[in-house]
C-alpha cells in the first residue's frame, strides 16, 4: 500500500504557534489529555458536542462546538488544519468516521491519527465493537490521507468504574476476575497521539499500545489496595449481572458486544505485551500502581 506523504511542516512548526491540530472527542479520556499536551506549542481546536461543559471542565485549546454527524460544521472546524486526532465513540455509527474524513479532506488536513484497538488484529474477535473499529480503520486507509493508527488495549482508567463501591464498601465487583489484559495508561496513549500528530516519522505506522504487565481484575484490586493502604475485597459478577450493569450505561447491542469481548479476554488473547508505547513516545509505559497513585483521590 502506498502511504500518502506527511506534509513538510518545518516552516510552520518553526512559527510561534506551531501546527494547526484538530481533536475530535476533546472532552474524552484521550482527547482532553492530548489537547493539554499540545495547546502550549500548537494551535489546537478542541471539537466537542457540548462546548459549555468542555469549558467548565478546563479542556485546553480553542473549544469548537461540532457534531460528527454534521459534515458542514466539521468542514468549517477543520478548514486550514494540518493534522487531525480522530476519536469516535459510537459502534453503531461508522458514518461518523466517514463524515470526519470527508471534512478533513475538504479542509486541507493531510495527516490523521486514529484511535483504535488492538482487537482489530485478532481474527477471533468478531463482536460489534471490533467490527466497527476495523471498518473505521479501513475508511482511513482508503481516504488518501496520511495516517497513523494507535491500537490500544483496555485503559487502566476503566477501573474508575469501581470507584464508588471502593469508597463506600471497599469492594470491587467485576466479571472474569482471573482473566488478564495488558491494560495501558491513557496518558501513554495520549503521549503517543501527541507524538504522531506532530512527527513526520510516525506516518504509515500502526502502534500496538499496552502496559508493562497483563493484569486481572483481582490483580488490580490487590494493587489498588496497596496504593490506598486499605484492604479491598473482590467479588465476581455473573455474566447476567455484568450485562445488567452495562445495559445501564450503553445501548443493548454495545453491552452485548462487551460481554462477548469479556469472553474473548477469558480465552487469554489479551495478555501479550508490546513495545508500542516506547516506539511511539521514546519512554517505557507506566505501571498500573503508578496510574493508581495518580488517581488515588478518586477512590478515597
C-alpha atoms as a PDB file:
ATOM      1  CA  UNK A   1       0.000   0.000   0.000  1.00  0.00           C
ATOM      2  CA  UNK A   2       1.263   3.478  -0.869  1.00  0.00           C
ATOM      3  CA  UNK A   3       1.231   5.729   2.179  1.00  0.00           C
ATOM      4  CA  UNK A   4       0.409   9.385   1.405  1.00  0.00           C
ATOM      5  CA  UNK A   5       3.275  11.600   2.461  1.00  0.00           C
ATOM      6  CA  UNK A   6       3.065  13.509   5.712  1.00  0.00           C
ATOM      7  CA  UNK A   7       3.442  17.174   4.729  1.00  0.00           C
ATOM      8  CA  UNK A   8       6.680  19.026   5.315  1.00  0.00           C
ATOM      9  CA  UNK A   9       5.712  21.068   8.346  1.00  0.00           C
ATOM     10  CA  UNK A  10       9.117  22.511   9.148  1.00  0.00           C
ATOM     11  CA  UNK A  11       8.364  26.130   8.168  1.00  0.00           C
ATOM     12  CA  UNK A  12       5.056  26.221  10.034  1.00  0.00           C
ATOM     13  CA  UNK A  13       6.424  24.301  13.002  1.00  0.00           C
ATOM     14  CA  UNK A  14       9.113  26.935  13.364  1.00  0.00           C
ATOM     15  CA  UNK A  15       6.490  29.616  13.926  1.00  0.00           C
ATOM     16  CA  UNK A  16       5.493  30.531  17.500  1.00  0.00           C
ATOM     17  CA  UNK A  17       2.135  28.752  17.296  1.00  0.00           C
ATOM     18  CA  UNK A  18       3.283  25.519  15.680  1.00  0.00           C
ATOM     19  CA  UNK A  19       0.908  23.227  13.829  1.00  0.00           C
ATOM     20  CA  UNK A  20      -2.838  23.567  13.483  1.00  0.00           C
ATOM     21  CA  UNK A  21      -4.313  20.433  15.053  1.00  0.00           C
ATOM     22  CA  UNK A  22      -7.955  19.376  15.342  1.00  0.00           C
ATOM     23  CA  UNK A  23      -9.040  16.960  18.066  1.00  0.00           C
ATOM     24  CA  UNK A  24     -12.419  15.232  17.998  1.00  0.00           C
ATOM     25  CA  UNK A  25     -13.789  13.910  21.266  1.00  0.00           C
ATOM     26  CA  UNK A  26     -11.804  16.618  23.016  1.00  0.00           C
ATOM     27  CA  UNK A  27     -13.753  16.197  26.255  1.00  0.00           C
ATOM     28  CA  UNK A  28     -12.946  12.486  26.443  1.00  0.00           C
ATOM     29  CA  UNK A  29     -10.287  10.434  28.165  1.00  0.00           C
ATOM     30  CA  UNK A  30      -7.677  10.728  25.399  1.00  0.00           C
ATOM     31  CA  UNK A  31      -8.747  13.870  23.553  1.00  0.00           C
ATOM     32  CA  UNK A  32      -8.637  16.062  26.655  1.00  0.00           C
ATOM     33  CA  UNK A  33      -5.159  14.845  27.550  1.00  0.00           C
ATOM     34  CA  UNK A  34      -3.801  15.358  24.041  1.00  0.00           C
ATOM     35  CA  UNK A  35      -5.215  18.881  23.981  1.00  0.00           C
ATOM     36  CA  UNK A  36      -3.378  19.670  27.226  1.00  0.00           C
ATOM     37  CA  UNK A  37      -0.134  18.203  25.911  1.00  0.00           C
ATOM     38  CA  UNK A  38      -0.178  20.248  22.701  1.00  0.00           C
ATOM     39  CA  UNK A  39      -2.007  23.502  23.423  1.00  0.00           C
ATOM     40  CA  UNK A  40       1.056  25.371  24.689  1.00  0.00           C
ATOM     41  CA  UNK A  41       3.063  24.872  21.496  1.00  0.00           C
ATOM     42  CA  UNK A  42       0.453  24.298  18.767  1.00  0.00           C
ATOM     43  CA  UNK A  43      -2.852  25.734  17.624  1.00  0.00           C
ATOM     44  CA  UNK A  44      -5.339  23.211  18.966  1.00  0.00           C
ATOM     45  CA  UNK A  45      -9.020  23.144  18.032  1.00  0.00           C
ATOM     46  CA  UNK A  46     -10.876  21.022  20.556  1.00  0.00           C
ATOM     47  CA  UNK A  47     -14.099  19.718  18.997  1.00  0.00           C
ATOM     48  CA  UNK A  48     -16.942  18.758  21.301  1.00  0.00           C
ATOM     49  CA  UNK A  49     -20.724  18.485  21.212  1.00  0.00           C
ATOM     50  CA  UNK A  50     -21.015  20.441  24.455  1.00  0.00           C
ATOM     51  CA  UNK A  51     -18.675  23.477  24.437  1.00  0.00           C
ATOM     52  CA  UNK A  52     -20.022  24.895  27.713  1.00  0.00           C
ATOM     53  CA  UNK A  53     -19.345  21.672  29.589  1.00  0.00           C
ATOM     54  CA  UNK A  54     -15.909  21.399  27.970  1.00  0.00           C
ATOM     55  CA  UNK A  55     -15.072  24.943  29.060  1.00  0.00           C
ATOM     56  CA  UNK A  56     -16.165  24.211  32.636  1.00  0.00           C
ATOM     57  CA  UNK A  57     -14.009  21.065  32.594  1.00  0.00           C
ATOM     58  CA  UNK A  58     -10.974  23.102  31.521  1.00  0.00           C
ATOM     59  CA  UNK A  59     -10.483  21.492  28.113  1.00  0.00           C
ATOM     60  CA  UNK A  60      -7.422  23.089  26.517  1.00  0.00           C
ATOM     61  CA  UNK A  61      -7.201  24.753  23.114  1.00  0.00           C
ATOM     62  CA  UNK A  62      -9.853  26.599  21.152  1.00  0.00           C
ATOM     63  CA  UNK A  63     -13.119  24.883  22.054  1.00  0.00           C
ATOM     64  CA  UNK A  64     -15.336  24.431  19.000  1.00  0.00           C
ATOM     65  CA  UNK A  65     -18.867  23.072  19.037  1.00  0.00           C
ATOM     66  CA  UNK A  66     -19.151  20.315  16.432  1.00  0.00           C
ATOM     67  CA  UNK A  67     -21.174  17.168  15.830  1.00  0.00           C
ATOM     68  CA  UNK A  68     -19.606  14.230  13.988  1.00  0.00           C
ATOM     69  CA  UNK A  69     -22.838  13.791  12.045  1.00  0.00           C
ATOM     70  CA  UNK A  70     -22.706  17.392  10.748  1.00  0.00           C
ATOM     71  CA  UNK A  71     -20.384  17.441   7.733  1.00  0.00           C
ATOM     72  CA  UNK A  72     -20.825  21.164   7.117  1.00  0.00           C
ATOM     73  CA  UNK A  73     -19.857  22.057  10.667  1.00  0.00           C
ATOM     74  CA  UNK A  74     -16.947  19.634  10.575  1.00  0.00           C
ATOM     75  CA  UNK A  75     -15.596  21.151   7.346  1.00  0.00           C
ATOM     76  CA  UNK A  76     -15.627  24.583   8.940  1.00  0.00           C
ATOM     77  CA  UNK A  77     -13.910  23.266  12.067  1.00  0.00           C
ATOM     78  CA  UNK A  78     -11.166  21.548  10.059  1.00  0.00           C
ATOM     79  CA  UNK A  79     -10.516  24.275   7.485  1.00  0.00           C
ATOM     80  CA  UNK A  80      -6.806  25.006   7.239  1.00  0.00           C
ATOM     81  CA  UNK A  81      -5.749  22.370   9.782  1.00  0.00           C
ATOM     82  CA  UNK A  82      -2.576  20.334   9.405  1.00  0.00           C
ATOM     83  CA  UNK A  83      -3.484  17.232  11.404  1.00  0.00           C
ATOM     84  CA  UNK A  84      -6.471  15.528  12.981  1.00  0.00           C
ATOM     85  CA  UNK A  85      -6.804  13.269  16.006  1.00  0.00           C
ATOM     86  CA  UNK A  86      -9.839  11.166  15.122  1.00  0.00           C
ATOM     87  CA  UNK A  87     -11.603   9.776  18.175  1.00  0.00           C
ATOM     88  CA  UNK A  88     -15.107   8.367  17.664  1.00  0.00           C
ATOM     89  CA  UNK A  89     -17.342   6.622  20.168  1.00  0.00           C
ATOM     90  CA  UNK A  90     -20.451   5.059  18.642  1.00  0.00           C
ATOM     91  CA  UNK A  91     -20.072   1.496  17.294  1.00  0.00           C
ATOM     92  CA  UNK A  92     -23.494   1.776  15.698  1.00  0.00           C
ATOM     93  CA  UNK A  93     -22.464   4.784  13.599  1.00  0.00           C
ATOM     94  CA  UNK A  94     -19.422   4.177  11.422  1.00  0.00           C
ATOM     95  CA  UNK A  95     -20.694   7.153   9.407  1.00  0.00           C
ATOM     96  CA  UNK A  96     -19.040   9.404  11.992  1.00  0.00           C
ATOM     97  CA  UNK A  97     -15.575   8.422  10.759  1.00  0.00           C
ATOM     98  CA  UNK A  98     -16.660   8.819   7.145  1.00  0.00           C
ATOM     99  CA  UNK A  99     -18.011  12.306   7.885  1.00  0.00           C
ATOM    100  CA  UNK A 100     -14.868  13.359   9.728  1.00  0.00           C
ATOM    101  CA  UNK A 101     -12.571  12.083   6.982  1.00  0.00           C
ATOM    102  CA  UNK A 102     -14.587  13.816   4.256  1.00  0.00           C
ATOM    103  CA  UNK A 103     -14.425  17.052   6.239  1.00  0.00           C
ATOM    104  CA  UNK A 104     -10.696  16.591   6.800  1.00  0.00           C
ATOM    105  CA  UNK A 105     -10.044  16.211   3.080  1.00  0.00           C
ATOM    106  CA  UNK A 106     -12.208  19.227   2.273  1.00  0.00           C
ATOM    107  CA  UNK A 107     -10.473  21.294   4.941  1.00  0.00           C
ATOM    108  CA  UNK A 108      -6.974  20.514   3.706  1.00  0.00           C
ATOM    109  CA  UNK A 109      -5.934  18.181   6.541  1.00  0.00           C
ATOM    110  CA  UNK A 110      -3.072  15.950   5.446  1.00  0.00           C
ATOM    111  CA  UNK A 111      -2.386  13.672   8.412  1.00  0.00           C
ATOM    112  CA  UNK A 112      -4.855  11.754  10.595  1.00  0.00           C
ATOM    113  CA  UNK A 113      -4.081   9.925  13.829  1.00  0.00           C
ATOM    114  CA  UNK A 114      -6.810   7.385  14.503  1.00  0.00           C
ATOM    115  CA  UNK A 115      -7.583   5.958  17.924  1.00  0.00           C
ATOM    116  CA  UNK A 116      -8.353   2.252  17.505  1.00  0.00           C
ATOM    117  CA  UNK A 117      -7.941  -1.004  19.447  1.00  0.00           C
ATOM    118  CA  UNK A 118      -5.609  -3.995  19.463  1.00  0.00           C
ATOM    119  CA  UNK A 119      -8.550  -6.365  18.976  1.00  0.00           C
ATOM    120  CA  UNK A 120      -8.739  -5.462  15.276  1.00  0.00           C
ATOM    121  CA  UNK A 121      -5.756  -7.761  14.699  1.00  0.00           C
ATOM    122  CA  UNK A 122      -7.408 -10.722  16.410  1.00  0.00           C
ATOM    123  CA  UNK A 123      -9.269 -12.818  13.791  1.00  0.00           C
ATOM    124  CA  UNK A 124     -11.334 -14.387  16.556  1.00  0.00           C
ATOM    125  CA  UNK A 125     -12.734 -11.030  17.653  1.00  0.00           C
ATOM    126  CA  UNK A 126     -15.898 -10.526  15.613  1.00  0.00           C
ATOM    127  CA  UNK A 127     -18.076  -8.538  18.024  1.00  0.00           C
ATOM    128  CA  UNK A 128     -19.868  -5.317  17.077  1.00  0.00           C
ATOM    129  CA  UNK A 129     -17.264  -3.015  18.614  1.00  0.00           C
ATOM    130  CA  UNK A 130     -14.270  -4.679  16.967  1.00  0.00           C
ATOM    131  CA  UNK A 131     -16.022  -4.898  13.593  1.00  0.00           C
ATOM    132  CA  UNK A 132     -16.765  -1.164  13.807  1.00  0.00           C
ATOM    133  CA  UNK A 133     -13.140  -0.380  14.675  1.00  0.00           C
ATOM    134  CA  UNK A 134     -11.941  -2.403  11.687  1.00  0.00           C
ATOM    135  CA  UNK A 135     -14.353  -0.564   9.399  1.00  0.00           C
ATOM    136  CA  UNK A 136     -13.139   2.796  10.717  1.00  0.00           C
ATOM    137  CA  UNK A 137      -9.518   1.843  10.067  1.00  0.00           C
ATOM    138  CA  UNK A 138     -10.390   0.719   6.540  1.00  0.00           C
ATOM    139  CA  UNK A 139     -12.074   4.047   5.839  1.00  0.00           C
ATOM    140  CA  UNK A 140      -8.944   5.914   6.902  1.00  0.00           C
ATOM    141  CA  UNK A 141      -6.598   3.723   4.860  1.00  0.00           C
ATOM    142  CA  UNK A 142      -8.787   4.281   1.792  1.00  0.00           C
ATOM    143  CA  UNK A 143      -9.064   8.042   2.328  1.00  0.00           C
ATOM    144  CA  UNK A 144      -5.848   9.092   0.596  1.00  0.00           C
ATOM    145  CA  UNK A 145      -4.727  10.901   3.738  1.00  0.00           C
ATOM    146  CA  UNK A 146      -1.511  10.277   5.604  1.00  0.00           C
ATOM    147  CA  UNK A 147      -2.249   8.199   8.695  1.00  0.00           C
ATOM    148  CA  UNK A 148      -1.086   6.738  11.989  1.00  0.00           C
ATOM    149  CA  UNK A 149      -3.052   4.057  13.850  1.00  0.00           C
ATOM    150  CA  UNK A 150      -2.981   3.777  17.634  1.00  0.00           C
ATOM    151  CA  UNK A 151      -4.276   0.352  18.659  1.00  0.00           C
ATOM    152  CA  UNK A 152      -4.521   0.115  22.413  1.00  0.00           C
ATOM    153  CA  UNK A 153      -5.552  -2.432  24.966  1.00  0.00           C
ATOM    154  CA  UNK A 154      -8.090  -1.576  27.674  1.00  0.00           C
ATOM    155  CA  UNK A 155      -7.412   1.648  29.552  1.00  0.00           C
ATOM    156  CA  UNK A 156      -6.300   1.441  33.158  1.00  0.00           C
ATOM    157  CA  UNK A 157      -8.837   4.184  33.807  1.00  0.00           C
ATOM    158  CA  UNK A 158     -11.660   1.659  33.260  1.00  0.00           C
ATOM    159  CA  UNK A 159     -11.081   0.739  36.893  1.00  0.00           C
ATOM    160  CA  UNK A 160     -12.634   4.098  37.827  1.00  0.00           C
ATOM    161  CA  UNK A 161     -15.955   2.295  37.316  1.00  0.00           C
ATOM    162  CA  UNK A 162     -15.188   0.669  40.672  1.00  0.00           C
ATOM    163  CA  UNK A 163     -14.549   3.954  42.489  1.00  0.00           C
ATOM    164  CA  UNK A 164     -17.980   4.240  44.107  1.00  0.00           C
ATOM    165  CA  UNK A 165     -18.050   0.696  45.530  1.00  0.00           C
ATOM    166  CA  UNK A 166     -14.444   1.056  46.706  1.00  0.00           C
ATOM    167  CA  UNK A 167     -15.203   4.314  48.514  1.00  0.00           C
ATOM    168  CA  UNK A 168     -18.415   3.050  50.084  1.00  0.00           C
ATOM    169  CA  UNK A 169     -17.726  -0.648  50.701  1.00  0.00           C
ATOM    170  CA  UNK A 170     -14.096  -1.437  49.962  1.00  0.00           C
ATOM    171  CA  UNK A 171     -15.312  -3.824  47.247  1.00  0.00           C
ATOM    172  CA  UNK A 172     -14.546  -4.372  43.557  1.00  0.00           C
ATOM    173  CA  UNK A 173     -17.221  -6.213  41.583  1.00  0.00           C
ATOM    174  CA  UNK A 174     -16.344  -7.355  38.074  1.00  0.00           C
ATOM    175  CA  UNK A 175     -16.683 -10.154  35.553  1.00  0.00           C
ATOM    176  CA  UNK A 176     -13.820 -12.512  34.783  1.00  0.00           C
ATOM    177  CA  UNK A 177     -11.666 -11.736  37.778  1.00  0.00           C
ATOM    178  CA  UNK A 178      -8.975 -14.219  36.752  1.00  0.00           C
ATOM    179  CA  UNK A 179      -8.688 -13.188  33.086  1.00  0.00           C
ATOM    180  CA  UNK A 180      -5.867 -10.821  32.232  1.00  0.00           C
ATOM    181  CA  UNK A 181      -5.496  -7.793  29.967  1.00  0.00           C
ATOM    182  CA  UNK A 182      -2.294  -5.886  29.167  1.00  0.00           C
ATOM    183  CA  UNK A 183      -4.069  -2.652  30.059  1.00  0.00           C
ATOM    184  CA  UNK A 184      -2.445   0.679  29.227  1.00  0.00           C
ATOM    185  CA  UNK A 185      -2.291   4.054  30.941  1.00  0.00           C
ATOM    186  CA  UNK A 186      -4.397   6.582  28.956  1.00  0.00           C
ATOM    187  CA  UNK A 187      -1.604   9.099  29.451  1.00  0.00           C
ATOM    188  CA  UNK A 188       0.719   6.839  27.446  1.00  0.00           C
ATOM    189  CA  UNK A 189      -1.862   6.642  24.653  1.00  0.00           C
ATOM    190  CA  UNK A 190      -2.151  10.432  24.764  1.00  0.00           C
ATOM    191  CA  UNK A 191       1.608  10.879  24.549  1.00  0.00           C
ATOM    192  CA  UNK A 192       1.673   8.541  21.552  1.00  0.00           C
ATOM    193  CA  UNK A 193      -1.098  10.556  19.892  1.00  0.00           C
ATOM    194  CA  UNK A 194       0.703  13.849  20.525  1.00  0.00           C
ATOM    195  CA  UNK A 195       3.901  12.447  19.039  1.00  0.00           C
ATOM    196  CA  UNK A 196       2.113  11.061  15.975  1.00  0.00           C
ATOM    197  CA  UNK A 197       0.289  14.341  15.342  1.00  0.00           C
ATOM    198  CA  UNK A 198       3.497  16.351  15.325  1.00  0.00           C
ATOM    199  CA  UNK A 199       6.193  13.997  13.994  1.00  0.00           C
ATOM    200  CA  UNK A 200       6.598  13.010  10.354  1.00  0.00           C
ATOM    201  CA  UNK A 201       8.324   9.732  11.271  1.00  0.00           C
ATOM    202  CA  UNK A 202       5.038   8.251  12.525  1.00  0.00           C
ATOM    203  CA  UNK A 203       3.246   8.385   9.163  1.00  0.00           C
ATOM    204  CA  UNK A 204       2.132   4.981   7.916  1.00  0.00           C
ATOM    205  CA  UNK A 205       2.792   3.341  11.296  1.00  0.00           C
ATOM    206  CA  UNK A 206       0.413   1.285  13.427  1.00  0.00           C
ATOM    207  CA  UNK A 207       1.353   1.144  17.105  1.00  0.00           C
ATOM    208  CA  UNK A 208       0.015  -1.518  19.468  1.00  0.00           C
ATOM    209  CA  UNK A 209      -0.088   0.165  22.860  1.00  0.00           C
ATOM    210  CA  UNK A 210      -0.058  -1.936  26.042  1.00  0.00           C
ATOM    211  CA  UNK A 211       1.040  -1.611  29.596  1.00  0.00           C
ATOM    212  CA  UNK A 212       4.083  -3.435  31.012  1.00  0.00           C
ATOM    213  CA  UNK A 213       2.072  -6.213  32.654  1.00  0.00           C
ATOM    214  CA  UNK A 214      -1.063  -8.241  31.923  1.00  0.00           C
ATOM    215  CA  UNK A 215      -3.399  -7.862  34.897  1.00  0.00           C
ATOM    216  CA  UNK A 216      -6.665  -9.391  36.020  1.00  0.00           C
ATOM    217  CA  UNK A 217      -9.373  -7.568  37.961  1.00  0.00           C
ATOM    218  CA  UNK A 218      -8.187  -9.452  41.024  1.00  0.00           C
ATOM    219  CA  UNK A 219      -4.609  -8.220  40.402  1.00  0.00           C
ATOM    220  CA  UNK A 220      -5.849  -4.645  40.042  1.00  0.00           C
ATOM    221  CA  UNK A 221      -7.911  -4.955  43.232  1.00  0.00           C
ATOM    222  CA  UNK A 222      -4.841  -6.077  45.170  1.00  0.00           C
ATOM    223  CA  UNK A 223      -2.641  -3.332  43.712  1.00  0.00           C
ATOM    224  CA  UNK A 224      -5.271  -0.665  44.337  1.00  0.00           C
ATOM    225  CA  UNK A 225      -5.487  -1.807  47.951  1.00  0.00           C
ATOM    226  CA  UNK A 226      -1.727  -1.480  48.316  1.00  0.00           C
ATOM    227  CA  UNK A 227      -1.768   2.039  46.860  1.00  0.00           C
ATOM    228  CA  UNK A 228      -4.730   3.108  49.009  1.00  0.00           C
ATOM    229  CA  UNK A 229      -3.300   1.325  52.068  1.00  0.00           C
ATOM    230  CA  UNK A 230      -6.611  -0.314  52.851  1.00  0.00           C
ATOM    231  CA  UNK A 231      -7.928  -3.865  52.365  1.00  0.00           C
ATOM    232  CA  UNK A 232     -10.149  -4.318  49.317  1.00  0.00           C
ATOM    233  CA  UNK A 233     -12.327  -7.319  48.545  1.00  0.00           C
ATOM    234  CA  UNK A 234     -13.036  -8.711  45.092  1.00  0.00           C
ATOM    235  CA  UNK A 235     -16.461 -10.144  44.248  1.00  0.00           C
ATOM    236  CA  UNK A 236     -17.111 -11.989  40.991  1.00  0.00           C
ATOM    237  CA  UNK A 237     -20.137 -10.979  38.920  1.00  0.00           C
ATOM    238  CA  UNK A 238     -22.095 -13.446  36.861  1.00  0.00           C
ATOM    239  CA  UNK A 239     -22.460 -12.723  33.158  1.00  0.00           C
ATOM    240  CA  UNK A 240     -26.084 -11.768  33.764  1.00  0.00           C
ATOM    241  CA  UNK A 241     -25.121  -9.301  36.495  1.00  0.00           C
ATOM    242  CA  UNK A 242     -22.359  -7.758  34.372  1.00  0.00           C
ATOM    243  CA  UNK A 243     -24.686  -7.415  31.401  1.00  0.00           C
ATOM    244  CA  UNK A 244     -27.292  -5.646  33.534  1.00  0.00           C
ATOM    245  CA  UNK A 245     -24.654  -3.151  34.648  1.00  0.00           C
ATOM    246  CA  UNK A 246     -23.508  -2.470  31.101  1.00  0.00           C
ATOM    247  CA  UNK A 247     -27.109  -2.060  29.945  1.00  0.00           C
ATOM    248  CA  UNK A 248     -27.355   0.788  32.449  1.00  0.00           C
ATOM    249  CA  UNK A 249     -24.526   2.582  30.639  1.00  0.00           C
ATOM    250  CA  UNK A 250     -24.700   1.527  26.994  1.00  0.00           C
ATOM    251  CA  UNK A 251     -27.193   0.602  24.251  1.00  0.00           C
ATOM    252  CA  UNK A 252     -28.046  -3.096  24.263  1.00  0.00           C
ATOM    253  CA  UNK A 253     -26.001  -4.038  21.143  1.00  0.00           C
ATOM    254  CA  UNK A 254     -22.920  -2.405  22.676  1.00  0.00           C
ATOM    255  CA  UNK A 255     -23.484  -4.019  26.086  1.00  0.00           C
ATOM    256  CA  UNK A 256     -23.784  -7.456  24.487  1.00  0.00           C
ATOM    257  CA  UNK A 257     -20.620  -6.806  22.477  1.00  0.00           C
ATOM    258  CA  UNK A 258     -18.832  -6.024  25.736  1.00  0.00           C
ATOM    259  CA  UNK A 259     -19.935  -9.388  27.116  1.00  0.00           C
ATOM    260  CA  UNK A 260     -18.545 -11.100  24.014  1.00  0.00           C
ATOM    261  CA  UNK A 261     -15.278  -9.223  24.453  1.00  0.00           C
ATOM    262  CA  UNK A 262     -15.083 -10.303  28.099  1.00  0.00           C
ATOM    263  CA  UNK A 263     -15.438 -13.922  26.999  1.00  0.00           C
ATOM    264  CA  UNK A 264     -12.679 -13.368  24.453  1.00  0.00           C
ATOM    265  CA  UNK A 265     -10.426 -11.989  27.169  1.00  0.00           C
ATOM    266  CA  UNK A 266     -11.132 -15.089  29.254  1.00  0.00           C
ATOM    267  CA  UNK A 267      -9.676 -17.082  26.371  1.00  0.00           C
ATOM    268  CA  UNK A 268      -6.350 -15.427  27.137  1.00  0.00           C
ATOM    269  CA  UNK A 269      -5.926 -13.461  23.904  1.00  0.00           C
ATOM    270  CA  UNK A 270      -5.346 -10.037  25.501  1.00  0.00           C
ATOM    271  CA  UNK A 271      -2.249 -10.732  27.577  1.00  0.00           C
ATOM    272  CA  UNK A 272       0.545 -10.003  25.090  1.00  0.00           C
ATOM    273  CA  UNK A 273       2.744  -7.019  25.949  1.00  0.00           C
ATOM    274  CA  UNK A 274       4.244  -4.929  23.148  1.00  0.00           C
ATOM    275  CA  UNK A 275       6.890  -2.216  22.839  1.00  0.00           C
ATOM    276  CA  UNK A 276       4.479   0.147  21.093  1.00  0.00           C
ATOM    277  CA  UNK A 277       4.464   2.833  23.769  1.00  0.00           C
ATOM    278  CA  UNK A 278       8.257   3.061  23.743  1.00  0.00           C
ATOM    279  CA  UNK A 279       8.341   3.039  19.934  1.00  0.00           C
ATOM    280  CA  UNK A 280       5.839   5.888  19.720  1.00  0.00           C
ATOM    281  CA  UNK A 281       6.956   8.008  22.666  1.00  0.00           C
ATOM    282  CA  UNK A 282      10.538   7.040  23.479  1.00  0.00           C
ATOM    283  CA  UNK A 283       9.635   6.080  27.048  1.00  0.00           C
ATOM    284  CA  UNK A 284       8.523   2.949  28.876  1.00  0.00           C
ATOM    285  CA  UNK A 285       4.809   2.518  29.620  1.00  0.00           C
ATOM    286  CA  UNK A 286       3.600   3.348  33.114  1.00  0.00           C
ATOM    287  CA  UNK A 287       2.517   0.604  35.506  1.00  0.00           C
ATOM    288  CA  UNK A 288      -0.951   0.205  36.982  1.00  0.00           C
ATOM    289  CA  UNK A 289       0.245   1.119  40.512  1.00  0.00           C
ATOM    290  CA  UNK A 290       1.732   4.340  39.099  1.00  0.00           C
ATOM    291  CA  UNK A 291      -1.590   5.152  37.428  1.00  0.00           C
ATOM    292  CA  UNK A 292      -3.480   4.285  40.628  1.00  0.00           C
ATOM    293  CA  UNK A 293      -1.229   6.523  42.738  1.00  0.00           C
ATOM    294  CA  UNK A 294      -2.016   9.498  40.487  1.00  0.00           C
ATOM    295  CA  UNK A 295      -5.748   8.804  40.820  1.00  0.00           C
ATOM    296  CA  UNK A 296      -5.877   7.695  44.449  1.00  0.00           C
ATOM    297  CA  UNK A 297      -8.165  10.589  45.389  1.00  0.00           C
ATOM    298  CA  UNK A 298     -10.869   9.207  43.092  1.00  0.00           C
ATOM    299  CA  UNK A 299     -11.048   6.041  45.217  1.00  0.00           C
ATOM    300  CA  UNK A 300     -10.937   7.706  48.630  1.00  0.00           C
END
